[in-house]
Amino acid sequence: MKARIGQKAPPLSVAAWVQGEPVTLDELSGQVILVEVFQVNCPGCFLYSLPQAVNLYRKYSNHGLVVVGIATAFEDFDKNNLENLTRLAEKGEVTGETLRALSQHGKLTIAGRLPYPIPFPLAMDRLSKRQGGITDNEVAAFIRERIPDFEQKPPLYQQQIRLQVQHYFEALSYHAETFETFELKGTPSHILIDKQGRLRACAFGAYPELEENIKELLEE
């Protein structure tokens, strides 16, 4: 079941909870839910979206907002994994490009750790081993989502894009189930669910209206 804006949000597919009690979206009915989807090896997630999520949690968790962090993986599987997520939750340790970027920006403690705890539950997306080859339909659907006018592009351009997407899929060892169910386009991504359990927003990257959208949903 794929997620659709305005419809009941499908369940989160979680392999393991590393912080907080296991919870389902149905159990959170009656509250506004923000699911922050990130990768451990994602500098932008730690420079921008996770600090934003922590701030929103602190401001609105006593007013009906629930924040859940889901670590996913669609690349760099040696770094975006359960082991490194556990280290992040338990010790505030970061790795890879995240460690490099936060160090350059002076965002870590002297010990090289996050200067703040992540206060909300954290879980690892469920990864399933990719079986079989990549179908033409998978490639076409991936391109349509990202290049709506693809069929109007020159034939040589279309051929190059198809090859690039084919190579991208061939590099993937696993399906990240929550990532694919909500048809996310990358990390960081923000999933916003209203008190009735309906998906109200699913945004990739910067989301400057997020706080205002949360306040509107809390008032409904």
N, C-alpha and C. Protein backbone atom coordinates (compact mmCIF):
# COMPACT_ATOMS: atom_id res chain seq x y z
N MET A 1 0.84 -1.20 0.00
CA MET A 1 0.00 0.00 0.00
C MET A 1 0.87 1.25 0.00
N LYS A 2 0.70 2.08 -1.02
CA LYS A 2 1.47 3.32 -1.13
C LYS A 2 0.74 4.45 -0.41
N ALA A 3 1.52 5.37 0.14
CA ALA A 3 0.95 6.51 0.85
C ALA A 3 0.38 7.52 -0.14
N ARG A 4 -0.76 8.13 0.23
CA ARG A 4 -1.39 9.15 -0.59
C ARG A 4 -1.83 10.30 0.30
N ILE A 5 -1.54 11.51 -0.12
CA ILE A 5 -1.94 12.69 0.64
C ILE A 5 -3.46 12.72 0.81
N GLY A 6 -3.91 12.95 2.03
CA GLY A 6 -5.33 13.02 2.31
C GLY A 6 -5.95 11.70 2.71
N GLN A 7 -5.21 10.61 2.55
CA GLN A 7 -5.71 9.29 2.92
C GLN A 7 -5.00 8.80 4.18
N LYS A 8 -5.56 7.76 4.78
CA LYS A 8 -4.95 7.18 5.99
C LYS A 8 -3.52 6.78 5.69
N ALA A 9 -2.61 7.18 6.55
CA ALA A 9 -1.19 6.87 6.35
C ALA A 9 -0.95 5.38 6.56
N PRO A 10 -0.21 4.74 5.68
CA PRO A 10 0.13 3.32 5.89
C PRO A 10 1.08 3.17 7.07
N PRO A 11 1.18 1.97 7.61
CA PRO A 11 2.06 1.76 8.77
C PRO A 11 3.53 2.03 8.44
N LEU A 12 4.27 2.44 9.44
CA LEU A 12 5.71 2.51 9.32
C LEU A 12 6.27 1.10 9.36
N SER A 13 7.24 0.83 8.50
CA SER A 13 7.87 -0.49 8.48
C SER A 13 9.21 -0.38 9.20
N VAL A 14 9.27 -0.91 10.40
CA VAL A 14 10.42 -0.71 11.28
C VAL A 14 11.12 -2.03 11.54
N ALA A 15 12.45 -2.01 11.40
CA ALA A 15 13.23 -3.21 11.70
C ALA A 15 13.56 -3.30 13.19
N ALA A 16 13.83 -2.14 13.81
CA ALA A 16 14.20 -2.14 15.23
C ALA A 16 14.04 -0.73 15.79
N TRP A 17 13.63 -0.67 17.05
CA TRP A 17 13.58 0.59 17.79
C TRP A 17 14.85 0.67 18.62
N VAL A 18 15.59 1.75 18.50
CA VAL A 18 16.82 1.89 19.28
C VAL A 18 16.66 2.90 20.40
N GLN A 19 15.57 3.63 20.39
CA GLN A 19 15.30 4.60 21.45
C GLN A 19 13.80 4.80 21.58
N GLY A 20 13.29 4.78 22.79
CA GLY A 20 11.86 4.94 23.01
C GLY A 20 11.12 3.62 22.88
N GLU A 21 9.87 3.63 23.28
CA GLU A 21 9.04 2.43 23.21
C GLU A 21 8.51 2.21 21.80
N PRO A 22 8.44 0.97 21.32
CA PRO A 22 7.85 0.70 20.02
C PRO A 22 6.42 1.23 19.97
N VAL A 23 6.06 1.83 18.85
CA VAL A 23 4.75 2.44 18.73
C VAL A 23 4.29 2.34 17.28
N THR A 24 2.98 2.30 17.09
CA THR A 24 2.40 2.30 15.74
C THR A 24 1.65 3.60 15.52
N LEU A 25 1.40 3.91 14.26
CA LEU A 25 0.65 5.13 13.95
C LEU A 25 -0.76 5.05 14.53
N ASP A 26 -1.36 3.87 14.51
CA ASP A 26 -2.71 3.73 15.06
C ASP A 26 -2.73 4.04 16.55
N GLU A 27 -1.68 3.67 17.26
CA GLU A 27 -1.61 3.94 18.69
C GLU A 27 -1.48 5.43 18.99
N LEU A 28 -1.05 6.19 18.00
CA LEU A 28 -0.85 7.63 18.19
C LEU A 28 -2.05 8.44 17.69
N SER A 29 -3.13 7.76 17.35
CA SER A 29 -4.33 8.44 16.87
C SER A 29 -4.77 9.51 17.87
N GLY A 30 -5.19 10.66 17.34
CA GLY A 30 -5.61 11.77 18.18
C GLY A 30 -4.51 12.79 18.42
N GLN A 31 -3.31 12.49 17.94
CA GLN A 31 -2.19 13.40 18.04
C GLN A 31 -1.65 13.71 16.64
N VAL A 32 -1.00 14.83 16.51
CA VAL A 32 -0.32 15.17 15.26
C VAL A 32 1.04 14.48 15.28
N ILE A 33 1.40 13.84 14.17
CA ILE A 33 2.63 13.05 14.12
C ILE A 33 3.57 13.63 13.06
N LEU A 34 4.79 13.88 13.46
CA LEU A 34 5.86 14.25 12.53
C LEU A 34 6.87 13.11 12.50
N VAL A 35 7.04 12.51 11.34
CA VAL A 35 8.05 11.47 11.16
C VAL A 35 9.21 12.09 10.38
N GLU A 36 10.35 12.19 11.05
CA GLU A 36 11.55 12.71 10.40
C GLU A 36 12.35 11.53 9.86
N VAL A 37 12.50 11.49 8.53
CA VAL A 37 13.23 10.40 7.89
C VAL A 37 14.61 10.92 7.50
N PHE A 38 15.64 10.25 7.96
CA PHE A 38 17.01 10.70 7.72
C PHE A 38 17.91 9.51 7.46
N GLN A 39 19.12 9.79 7.05
CA GLN A 39 20.15 8.77 6.99
C GLN A 39 21.27 9.17 7.95
N VAL A 40 21.89 8.19 8.55
CA VAL A 40 22.99 8.47 9.46
C VAL A 40 24.12 9.18 8.72
N ASN A 41 24.37 8.79 7.48
CA ASN A 41 25.41 9.41 6.66
C ASN A 41 24.78 10.46 5.75
N CYS A 42 24.22 11.51 6.36
CA CYS A 42 23.52 12.57 5.62
C CYS A 42 23.79 13.89 6.34
N PRO A 43 24.80 14.64 5.92
CA PRO A 43 25.13 15.88 6.62
C PRO A 43 23.97 16.86 6.74
N GLY A 44 23.19 17.02 5.65
CA GLY A 44 22.07 17.95 5.70
C GLY A 44 21.04 17.58 6.74
N CYS A 45 20.88 16.29 6.99
CA CYS A 45 19.92 15.85 8.00
C CYS A 45 20.32 16.38 9.38
N PHE A 46 21.62 16.36 9.66
CA PHE A 46 22.10 16.75 10.99
C PHE A 46 22.37 18.24 11.10
N LEU A 47 22.61 18.89 9.98
CA LEU A 47 22.82 20.34 10.02
C LEU A 47 21.51 21.10 10.11
N TYR A 48 20.46 20.54 9.53
CA TYR A 48 19.21 21.31 9.40
C TYR A 48 17.98 20.59 9.96
N SER A 49 17.63 19.42 9.39
CA SER A 49 16.31 18.87 9.68
C SER A 49 16.20 18.28 11.09
N LEU A 50 17.21 17.57 11.57
CA LEU A 50 17.10 17.02 12.91
C LEU A 50 17.10 18.11 13.99
N PRO A 51 17.95 19.14 13.89
CA PRO A 51 17.81 20.25 14.84
C PRO A 51 16.44 20.90 14.79
N GLN A 52 15.87 21.02 13.60
CA GLN A 52 14.52 21.57 13.48
C GLN A 52 13.51 20.67 14.18
N ALA A 53 13.63 19.35 13.99
CA ALA A 53 12.70 18.41 14.61
C ALA A 53 12.83 18.44 16.13
N VAL A 54 14.05 18.53 16.63
CA VAL A 54 14.27 18.61 18.08
C VAL A 54 13.60 19.88 18.63
N ASN A 55 13.76 20.99 17.94
CA ASN A 55 13.15 22.25 18.37
C ASN A 55 11.63 22.15 18.39
N LEU A 56 11.06 21.54 17.34
CA LEU A 56 9.60 21.39 17.28
C LEU A 56 9.10 20.47 18.39
N TYR A 57 9.86 19.41 18.67
CA TYR A 57 9.48 18.51 19.76
C TYR A 57 9.44 19.27 21.08
N ARG A 58 10.45 20.06 21.33
CA ARG A 58 10.52 20.80 22.59
C ARG A 58 9.39 21.82 22.71
N LYS A 59 8.99 22.42 21.61
CA LYS A 59 7.97 23.46 21.65
C LYS A 59 6.55 22.91 21.72
N TYR A 60 6.31 21.74 21.06
CA TYR A 60 4.92 21.32 20.87
C TYR A 60 4.60 19.92 21.41
N SER A 61 5.56 19.21 21.99
CA SER A 61 5.25 17.86 22.45
C SER A 61 4.24 17.86 23.59
N ASN A 62 4.16 18.96 24.33
CA ASN A 62 3.15 19.07 25.39
C ASN A 62 1.83 19.60 24.88
N HIS A 63 1.73 19.82 23.58
CA HIS A 63 0.51 20.36 22.98
C HIS A 63 -0.11 19.41 21.95
N GLY A 64 0.37 18.16 21.95
CA GLY A 64 -0.25 17.18 21.07
C GLY A 64 0.59 16.74 19.89
N LEU A 65 1.85 17.14 19.83
CA LEU A 65 2.72 16.72 18.74
C LEU A 65 3.59 15.54 19.17
N VAL A 66 3.64 14.51 18.33
CA VAL A 66 4.54 13.38 18.51
C VAL A 66 5.57 13.42 17.38
N VAL A 67 6.84 13.29 17.73
CA VAL A 67 7.90 13.24 16.73
C VAL A 67 8.56 11.86 16.80
N VAL A 68 8.76 11.26 15.64
CA VAL A 68 9.43 9.97 15.53
C VAL A 68 10.53 10.10 14.48
N GLY A 69 11.71 9.63 14.79
CA GLY A 69 12.79 9.61 13.82
C GLY A 69 12.96 8.24 13.22
N ILE A 70 12.99 8.18 11.89
CA ILE A 70 13.21 6.92 11.18
C ILE A 70 14.49 7.05 10.37
N ALA A 71 15.49 6.25 10.70
CA ALA A 71 16.72 6.21 9.91
C ALA A 71 16.53 5.21 8.78
N THR A 72 16.75 5.66 7.56
CA THR A 72 16.57 4.81 6.40
C THR A 72 17.90 4.60 5.71
N ALA A 73 17.91 3.90 4.58
CA ALA A 73 19.14 3.67 3.82
C ALA A 73 18.78 3.37 2.37
N PHE A 74 19.24 4.22 1.47
CA PHE A 74 19.09 3.92 0.05
C PHE A 74 20.46 4.03 -0.65
N GLU A 75 21.52 4.20 0.14
CA GLU A 75 22.89 4.26 -0.36
C GLU A 75 23.82 4.09 0.84
N ASP A 76 25.11 3.95 0.58
CA ASP A 76 26.11 3.87 1.66
C ASP A 76 25.66 2.92 2.78
N PHE A 77 25.33 1.70 2.40
CA PHE A 77 24.76 0.76 3.36
C PHE A 77 25.76 0.38 4.46
N ASP A 78 27.05 0.60 4.21
CA ASP A 78 28.04 0.31 5.24
C ASP A 78 28.01 1.32 6.37
N LYS A 79 27.42 2.49 6.11
CA LYS A 79 27.32 3.53 7.14
C LYS A 79 25.89 3.74 7.63
N ASN A 80 24.94 3.65 6.72
CA ASN A 80 23.53 3.85 7.08
C ASN A 80 22.94 2.54 7.57
N ASN A 81 23.29 2.18 8.78
CA ASN A 81 22.89 0.88 9.30
C ASN A 81 22.49 0.97 10.77
N LEU A 82 21.99 -0.14 11.27
CA LEU A 82 21.49 -0.19 12.64
C LEU A 82 22.60 0.06 13.67
N GLU A 83 23.78 -0.45 13.41
CA GLU A 83 24.90 -0.26 14.35
C GLU A 83 25.20 1.22 14.57
N ASN A 84 25.29 1.97 13.48
CA ASN A 84 25.61 3.39 13.61
C ASN A 84 24.44 4.20 14.17
N LEU A 85 23.22 3.77 13.88
CA LEU A 85 22.07 4.42 14.48
C LEU A 85 22.07 4.22 16.00
N THR A 86 22.41 3.03 16.43
CA THR A 86 22.48 2.74 17.87
C THR A 86 23.55 3.59 18.54
N ARG A 87 24.69 3.73 17.89
CA ARG A 87 25.75 4.58 18.44
C ARG A 87 25.29 6.03 18.54
N LEU A 88 24.53 6.48 17.55
CA LEU A 88 23.99 7.84 17.59
C LEU A 88 23.05 8.00 18.78
N ALA A 89 22.14 7.04 18.96
CA ALA A 89 21.14 7.15 20.03
C ALA A 89 21.79 7.05 21.41
N GLU A 90 22.73 6.15 21.57
CA GLU A 90 23.28 5.88 22.90
C GLU A 90 24.42 6.82 23.28
N LYS A 91 25.21 7.28 22.30
CA LYS A 91 26.41 8.05 22.62
C LYS A 91 26.49 9.40 21.91
N GLY A 92 25.54 9.67 21.00
CA GLY A 92 25.62 10.91 20.24
C GLY A 92 26.73 10.90 19.20
N GLU A 93 27.20 9.71 18.81
CA GLU A 93 28.29 9.60 17.85
C GLU A 93 27.75 9.64 16.42
N VAL A 94 28.47 10.31 15.55
CA VAL A 94 28.13 10.38 14.13
C VAL A 94 29.28 9.81 13.33
N THR A 95 29.05 9.60 12.03
CA THR A 95 30.04 8.91 11.22
C THR A 95 30.07 9.46 9.81
N GLY A 96 31.07 9.06 9.05
CA GLY A 96 31.13 9.35 7.62
C GLY A 96 31.10 10.82 7.28
N GLU A 97 30.33 11.15 6.24
CA GLU A 97 30.21 12.53 5.79
C GLU A 97 29.55 13.41 6.84
N THR A 98 28.69 12.85 7.64
CA THR A 98 28.07 13.62 8.73
C THR A 98 29.13 14.09 9.72
N LEU A 99 30.02 13.20 10.11
CA LEU A 99 31.09 13.56 11.03
C LEU A 99 31.97 14.65 10.42
N ARG A 100 32.33 14.49 9.17
CA ARG A 100 33.20 15.47 8.52
C ARG A 100 32.53 16.85 8.45
N ALA A 101 31.25 16.89 8.02
CA ALA A 101 30.57 18.17 7.85
C ALA A 101 30.32 18.86 9.18
N LEU A 102 29.88 18.11 10.19
CA LEU A 102 29.61 18.73 11.48
C LEU A 102 30.91 19.23 12.13
N SER A 103 32.00 18.52 11.91
CA SER A 103 33.28 18.97 12.43
C SER A 103 33.69 20.28 11.77
N GLN A 104 33.52 20.36 10.46
CA GLN A 104 33.88 21.58 9.73
C GLN A 104 33.05 22.78 10.17
N HIS A 105 31.80 22.54 10.53
CA HIS A 105 30.91 23.62 10.94
C HIS A 105 30.96 23.89 12.44
N GLY A 106 31.83 23.18 13.15
CA GLY A 106 31.95 23.39 14.59
C GLY A 106 30.70 23.00 15.36
N LYS A 107 30.02 21.93 14.90
CA LYS A 107 28.74 21.53 15.49
C LYS A 107 28.86 20.36 16.45
N LEU A 108 30.10 19.94 16.77
CA LEU A 108 30.29 18.81 17.66
C LEU A 108 30.99 19.25 18.94
N THR A 109 30.87 18.44 19.96
CA THR A 109 31.59 18.70 21.20
C THR A 109 33.07 18.41 21.00
N ILE A 110 33.87 18.72 22.01
CA ILE A 110 35.30 18.43 21.94
C ILE A 110 35.54 16.94 21.75
N ALA A 111 34.63 16.13 22.29
CA ALA A 111 34.76 14.67 22.15
C ALA A 111 34.25 14.17 20.80
N GLY A 112 33.79 15.09 19.94
CA GLY A 112 33.34 14.71 18.61
C GLY A 112 31.94 14.13 18.57
N ARG A 113 31.10 14.56 19.49
CA ARG A 113 29.73 14.04 19.55
C ARG A 113 28.72 15.17 19.41
N LEU A 114 27.46 14.80 19.16
CA LEU A 114 26.42 15.82 19.09
C LEU A 114 26.33 16.54 20.43
N PRO A 115 26.14 17.85 20.40
CA PRO A 115 26.07 18.60 21.66
C PRO A 115 24.71 18.53 22.34
N TYR A 116 23.78 17.80 21.74
CA TYR A 116 22.43 17.69 22.31
C TYR A 116 21.92 16.27 22.11
N PRO A 117 21.08 15.78 23.01
CA PRO A 117 20.46 14.47 22.80
C PRO A 117 19.27 14.59 21.86
N ILE A 118 19.01 13.55 21.11
CA ILE A 118 17.77 13.50 20.31
C ILE A 118 16.69 12.98 21.25
N PRO A 119 15.66 13.78 21.57
CA PRO A 119 14.75 13.44 22.65
C PRO A 119 13.57 12.55 22.27
N PHE A 120 13.40 12.27 21.00
CA PHE A 120 12.22 11.50 20.58
C PHE A 120 12.62 10.08 20.15
N PRO A 121 11.65 9.18 19.99
CA PRO A 121 11.95 7.80 19.61
C PRO A 121 12.68 7.72 18.27
N LEU A 122 13.56 6.75 18.16
CA LEU A 122 14.33 6.52 16.94
C LEU A 122 14.21 5.05 16.54
N ALA A 123 14.03 4.83 15.24
CA ALA A 123 13.90 3.47 14.75
C ALA A 123 14.63 3.34 13.42
N MET A 124 14.93 2.10 13.06
CA MET A 124 15.58 1.80 11.78
C MET A 124 14.56 1.28 10.80
N ASP A 125 14.53 1.90 9.63
CA ASP A 125 13.67 1.44 8.54
C ASP A 125 13.96 -0.04 8.26
N ARG A 126 12.94 -0.75 7.82
CA ARG A 126 13.14 -2.16 7.48
C ARG A 126 13.73 -2.27 6.07
N LEU A 127 14.86 -2.92 5.98
CA LEU A 127 15.51 -3.12 4.69
C LEU A 127 15.32 -4.57 4.25
N SER A 128 14.93 -4.75 3.01
CA SER A 128 14.79 -6.11 2.49
C SER A 128 15.70 -6.27 1.27
N LYS A 129 16.33 -7.41 1.17
CA LYS A 129 17.28 -7.67 0.10
C LYS A 129 16.58 -7.61 -1.25
N ARG A 130 17.15 -6.85 -2.16
CA ARG A 130 16.57 -6.74 -3.50
C ARG A 130 16.73 -8.06 -4.23
N GLN A 131 15.63 -8.54 -4.79
CA GLN A 131 15.64 -9.80 -5.52
C GLN A 131 15.39 -9.56 -7.00
N GLY A 132 16.14 -10.26 -7.85
CA GLY A 132 15.89 -10.17 -9.28
C GLY A 132 16.41 -8.88 -9.89
N GLY A 133 16.18 -8.75 -11.18
CA GLY A 133 16.65 -7.58 -11.91
C GLY A 133 15.69 -6.41 -11.81
N ILE A 134 16.09 -5.30 -12.39
CA ILE A 134 15.30 -4.09 -12.40
C ILE A 134 14.40 -4.10 -13.63
N THR A 135 13.13 -3.85 -13.44
CA THR A 135 12.19 -3.88 -14.56
C THR A 135 12.10 -2.51 -15.22
N ASP A 136 11.67 -2.50 -16.47
CA ASP A 136 11.47 -1.25 -17.20
C ASP A 136 10.40 -0.40 -16.51
N ASN A 137 9.40 -1.05 -15.92
CA ASN A 137 8.34 -0.30 -15.23
C ASN A 137 8.89 0.44 -14.01
N GLU A 138 9.81 -0.20 -13.27
CA GLU A 138 10.42 0.46 -12.12
C GLU A 138 11.21 1.70 -12.56
N VAL A 139 11.96 1.55 -13.63
CA VAL A 139 12.75 2.67 -14.15
C VAL A 139 11.82 3.79 -14.61
N ALA A 140 10.77 3.45 -15.35
CA ALA A 140 9.85 4.46 -15.87
C ALA A 140 9.13 5.19 -14.75
N ALA A 141 8.69 4.46 -13.73
CA ALA A 141 7.98 5.09 -12.62
C ALA A 141 8.90 6.03 -11.85
N PHE A 142 10.13 5.62 -11.65
CA PHE A 142 11.11 6.45 -10.95
C PHE A 142 11.33 7.76 -11.69
N ILE A 143 11.45 7.68 -13.02
CA ILE A 143 11.69 8.88 -13.83
C ILE A 143 10.46 9.78 -13.84
N ARG A 144 9.27 9.21 -13.98
CA ARG A 144 8.04 10.02 -14.03
C ARG A 144 7.86 10.85 -12.78
N GLU A 145 8.21 10.29 -11.63
CA GLU A 145 8.05 11.02 -10.36
C GLU A 145 8.96 12.24 -10.30
N ARG A 146 10.07 12.18 -11.00
CA ARG A 146 11.07 13.23 -10.87
C ARG A 146 11.17 14.15 -12.09
N ILE A 147 10.76 13.66 -13.26
CA ILE A 147 10.81 14.47 -14.49
C ILE A 147 9.46 14.33 -15.18
N PRO A 148 8.46 15.13 -14.77
CA PRO A 148 7.09 14.97 -15.30
C PRO A 148 6.99 15.08 -16.81
N ASP A 149 7.83 15.91 -17.43
CA ASP A 149 7.76 16.11 -18.88
C ASP A 149 8.81 15.28 -19.61
N PHE A 150 9.19 14.15 -19.03
CA PHE A 150 10.27 13.34 -19.57
C PHE A 150 10.03 12.93 -21.02
N GLU A 151 8.79 12.56 -21.35
CA GLU A 151 8.48 12.08 -22.70
C GLU A 151 8.64 13.16 -23.76
N GLN A 152 8.69 14.42 -23.34
CA GLN A 152 8.86 15.52 -24.30
C GLN A 152 10.33 15.88 -24.50
N LYS A 153 11.21 15.23 -23.74
CA LYS A 153 12.63 15.51 -23.86
C LYS A 153 13.22 14.84 -25.11
N PRO A 154 14.37 15.32 -25.60
CA PRO A 154 15.01 14.70 -26.79
C PRO A 154 15.34 13.24 -26.54
N PRO A 155 15.29 12.41 -27.57
CA PRO A 155 15.54 10.96 -27.41
C PRO A 155 16.89 10.64 -26.77
N LEU A 156 17.94 11.38 -27.13
CA LEU A 156 19.25 11.10 -26.54
C LEU A 156 19.24 11.37 -25.04
N TYR A 157 18.59 12.46 -24.64
CA TYR A 157 18.47 12.78 -23.21
C TYR A 157 17.72 11.66 -22.49
N GLN A 158 16.61 11.18 -23.06
CA GLN A 158 15.84 10.11 -22.44
C GLN A 158 16.69 8.85 -22.27
N GLN A 159 17.46 8.53 -23.30
CA GLN A 159 18.31 7.34 -23.21
C GLN A 159 19.34 7.47 -22.10
N GLN A 160 19.97 8.64 -21.98
CA GLN A 160 20.98 8.86 -20.94
C GLN A 160 20.38 8.76 -19.54
N ILE A 161 19.18 9.34 -19.37
CA ILE A 161 18.53 9.30 -18.06
C ILE A 161 18.16 7.87 -17.70
N ARG A 162 17.62 7.12 -18.66
CA ARG A 162 17.26 5.72 -18.37
C ARG A 162 18.48 4.92 -17.94
N LEU A 163 19.61 5.14 -18.59
CA LEU A 163 20.83 4.43 -18.22
C LEU A 163 21.29 4.83 -16.81
N GLN A 164 21.21 6.11 -16.51
CA GLN A 164 21.60 6.58 -15.18
C GLN A 164 20.72 5.96 -14.09
N VAL A 165 19.43 5.91 -14.34
CA VAL A 165 18.51 5.34 -13.36
C VAL A 165 18.74 3.84 -13.23
N GLN A 166 19.00 3.17 -14.36
CA GLN A 166 19.29 1.74 -14.32
C GLN A 166 20.52 1.47 -13.45
N HIS A 167 21.55 2.28 -13.63
CA HIS A 167 22.77 2.10 -12.84
C HIS A 167 22.52 2.40 -11.36
N TYR A 168 21.67 3.40 -11.12
CA TYR A 168 21.33 3.73 -9.73
C TYR A 168 20.67 2.54 -9.04
N PHE A 169 19.69 1.93 -9.71
CA PHE A 169 19.00 0.79 -9.12
C PHE A 169 19.94 -0.40 -8.94
N GLU A 170 20.83 -0.59 -9.91
CA GLU A 170 21.75 -1.72 -9.81
C GLU A 170 22.68 -1.59 -8.61
N ALA A 171 22.93 -0.35 -8.17
CA ALA A 171 23.80 -0.11 -7.02
C ALA A 171 23.09 -0.35 -5.69
N LEU A 172 21.77 -0.47 -5.73
CA LEU A 172 21.02 -0.66 -4.50
C LEU A 172 21.03 -2.14 -4.10
N SER A 173 21.45 -2.39 -2.89
CA SER A 173 21.45 -3.77 -2.39
C SER A 173 20.12 -4.12 -1.72
N TYR A 174 19.42 -3.08 -1.22
CA TYR A 174 18.23 -3.32 -0.42
C TYR A 174 17.11 -2.36 -0.80
N HIS A 175 15.89 -2.79 -0.51
CA HIS A 175 14.73 -1.91 -0.49
C HIS A 175 14.58 -1.35 0.92
N ALA A 176 14.40 -0.06 1.05
CA ALA A 176 14.06 0.54 2.34
C ALA A 176 12.54 0.72 2.35
N GLU A 177 11.84 -0.05 3.17
CA GLU A 177 10.40 -0.22 3.00
C GLU A 177 9.59 1.05 3.31
N THR A 178 9.85 1.71 4.45
CA THR A 178 9.12 2.94 4.74
C THR A 178 9.45 4.01 3.71
N PHE A 179 10.71 4.11 3.34
CA PHE A 179 11.14 5.07 2.32
C PHE A 179 10.35 4.88 1.03
N GLU A 180 10.17 3.63 0.62
CA GLU A 180 9.48 3.37 -0.63
C GLU A 180 7.96 3.47 -0.49
N THR A 181 7.43 3.06 0.64
CA THR A 181 5.98 3.15 0.85
C THR A 181 5.50 4.58 0.75
N PHE A 182 6.27 5.52 1.31
CA PHE A 182 5.88 6.93 1.27
C PHE A 182 6.46 7.63 0.04
N GLU A 183 7.09 6.86 -0.85
CA GLU A 183 7.63 7.37 -2.12
C GLU A 183 8.47 8.63 -1.90
N LEU A 184 9.40 8.51 -0.95
CA LEU A 184 10.27 9.64 -0.64
C LEU A 184 11.33 9.80 -1.73
N LYS A 185 11.83 11.01 -1.85
CA LYS A 185 12.78 11.31 -2.92
C LYS A 185 14.20 11.46 -2.41
N GLY A 186 14.40 11.37 -1.12
CA GLY A 186 15.73 11.50 -0.54
C GLY A 186 15.62 11.82 0.93
N THR A 187 16.76 12.18 1.51
CA THR A 187 16.76 12.60 2.91
C THR A 187 17.46 13.95 3.02
N PRO A 188 16.99 14.77 3.95
CA PRO A 188 15.91 14.51 4.92
C PRO A 188 14.53 14.61 4.28
N SER A 189 13.59 13.86 4.82
CA SER A 189 12.19 13.95 4.41
C SER A 189 11.31 14.08 5.65
N HIS A 190 10.17 14.70 5.48
CA HIS A 190 9.28 15.00 6.59
C HIS A 190 7.89 14.47 6.26
N ILE A 191 7.38 13.59 7.10
CA ILE A 191 6.04 13.02 6.93
C ILE A 191 5.17 13.60 8.03
N LEU A 192 4.07 14.23 7.64
CA LEU A 192 3.19 14.89 8.60
C LEU A 192 1.80 14.25 8.54
N ILE A 193 1.33 13.79 9.70
CA ILE A 193 0.07 13.04 9.80
C ILE A 193 -0.84 13.73 10.79
N ASP A 194 -2.11 13.89 10.44
CA ASP A 194 -3.04 14.61 11.32
C ASP A 194 -3.63 13.72 12.40
N LYS A 195 -4.50 14.30 13.22
CA LYS A 195 -5.04 13.59 14.38
C LYS A 195 -5.91 12.40 13.98
N GLN A 196 -6.42 12.42 12.76
CA GLN A 196 -7.24 11.31 12.27
C GLN A 196 -6.42 10.25 11.56
N GLY A 197 -5.09 10.42 11.57
CA GLY A 197 -4.23 9.43 10.94
C GLY A 197 -4.07 9.60 9.45
N ARG A 198 -4.48 10.77 8.91
CA ARG A 198 -4.37 11.01 7.47
C ARG A 198 -3.04 11.68 7.14
N LEU A 199 -2.45 11.26 6.05
CA LEU A 199 -1.21 11.86 5.59
C LEU A 199 -1.51 13.25 5.03
N ARG A 200 -0.87 14.27 5.60
CA ARG A 200 -1.15 15.64 5.19
C ARG A 200 0.00 16.29 4.42
N ALA A 201 1.21 15.79 4.62
CA ALA A 201 2.35 16.32 3.89
C ALA A 201 3.46 15.28 3.86
N CYS A 202 4.21 15.32 2.78
CA CYS A 202 5.34 14.41 2.62
C CYS A 202 6.38 15.18 1.81
N ALA A 203 7.32 15.82 2.48
CA ALA A 203 8.21 16.78 1.84
C ALA A 203 9.66 16.34 1.95
N PHE A 204 10.41 16.65 0.91
CA PHE A 204 11.84 16.33 0.86
C PHE A 204 12.65 17.63 0.94
N GLY A 205 13.70 17.62 1.74
CA GLY A 205 14.58 18.78 1.81
C GLY A 205 14.07 19.84 2.75
N ALA A 206 14.36 21.08 2.42
CA ALA A 206 13.95 22.20 3.25
C ALA A 206 12.43 22.29 3.31
N TYR A 207 11.89 22.56 4.50
CA TYR A 207 10.44 22.64 4.69
C TYR A 207 10.20 23.82 5.64
N PRO A 208 10.33 25.06 5.13
CA PRO A 208 10.20 26.23 6.00
C PRO A 208 8.81 26.40 6.61
N GLU A 209 7.78 25.80 5.98
CA GLU A 209 6.41 25.95 6.49
C GLU A 209 6.05 24.89 7.51
N LEU A 210 7.00 24.03 7.86
CA LEU A 210 6.68 22.89 8.71
C LEU A 210 6.07 23.31 10.04
N GLU A 211 6.66 24.25 10.72
CA GLU A 211 6.12 24.66 12.02
C GLU A 211 4.71 25.22 11.89
N GLU A 212 4.48 26.04 10.87
CA GLU A 212 3.15 26.61 10.69
C GLU A 212 2.13 25.53 10.37
N ASN A 213 2.53 24.55 9.56
CA ASN A 213 1.62 23.44 9.23
C ASN A 213 1.30 22.62 10.48
N ILE A 214 2.28 22.40 11.34
CA ILE A 214 2.05 21.66 12.59
C ILE A 214 1.06 22.42 13.47
N LYS A 215 1.25 23.72 13.60
CA LYS A 215 0.35 24.52 14.44
C LYS A 215 -1.08 24.46 13.90
N GLU A 216 -1.24 24.49 12.60
CA GLU A 216 -2.58 24.39 12.00
C GLU A 216 -3.23 23.06 12.33
N LEU A 217 -2.46 21.98 12.23
CA LEU A 217 -3.01 20.64 12.51
C LEU A 217 -3.32 20.49 13.99
N LEU A 218 -2.53 21.08 14.86
CA LEU A 218 -2.81 21.00 16.30
C LEU A 218 -4.09 21.71 16.66
N GLU A 219 -4.45 22.71 15.87
CA GLU A 219 -5.66 23.49 16.15
C GLU A 219 -6.91 22.87 15.55
N GLU A 220 -6.77 21.88 14.69
CA GLU A 220 -7.94 21.25 14.05
C GLU A 220 -8.72 20.43 15.06
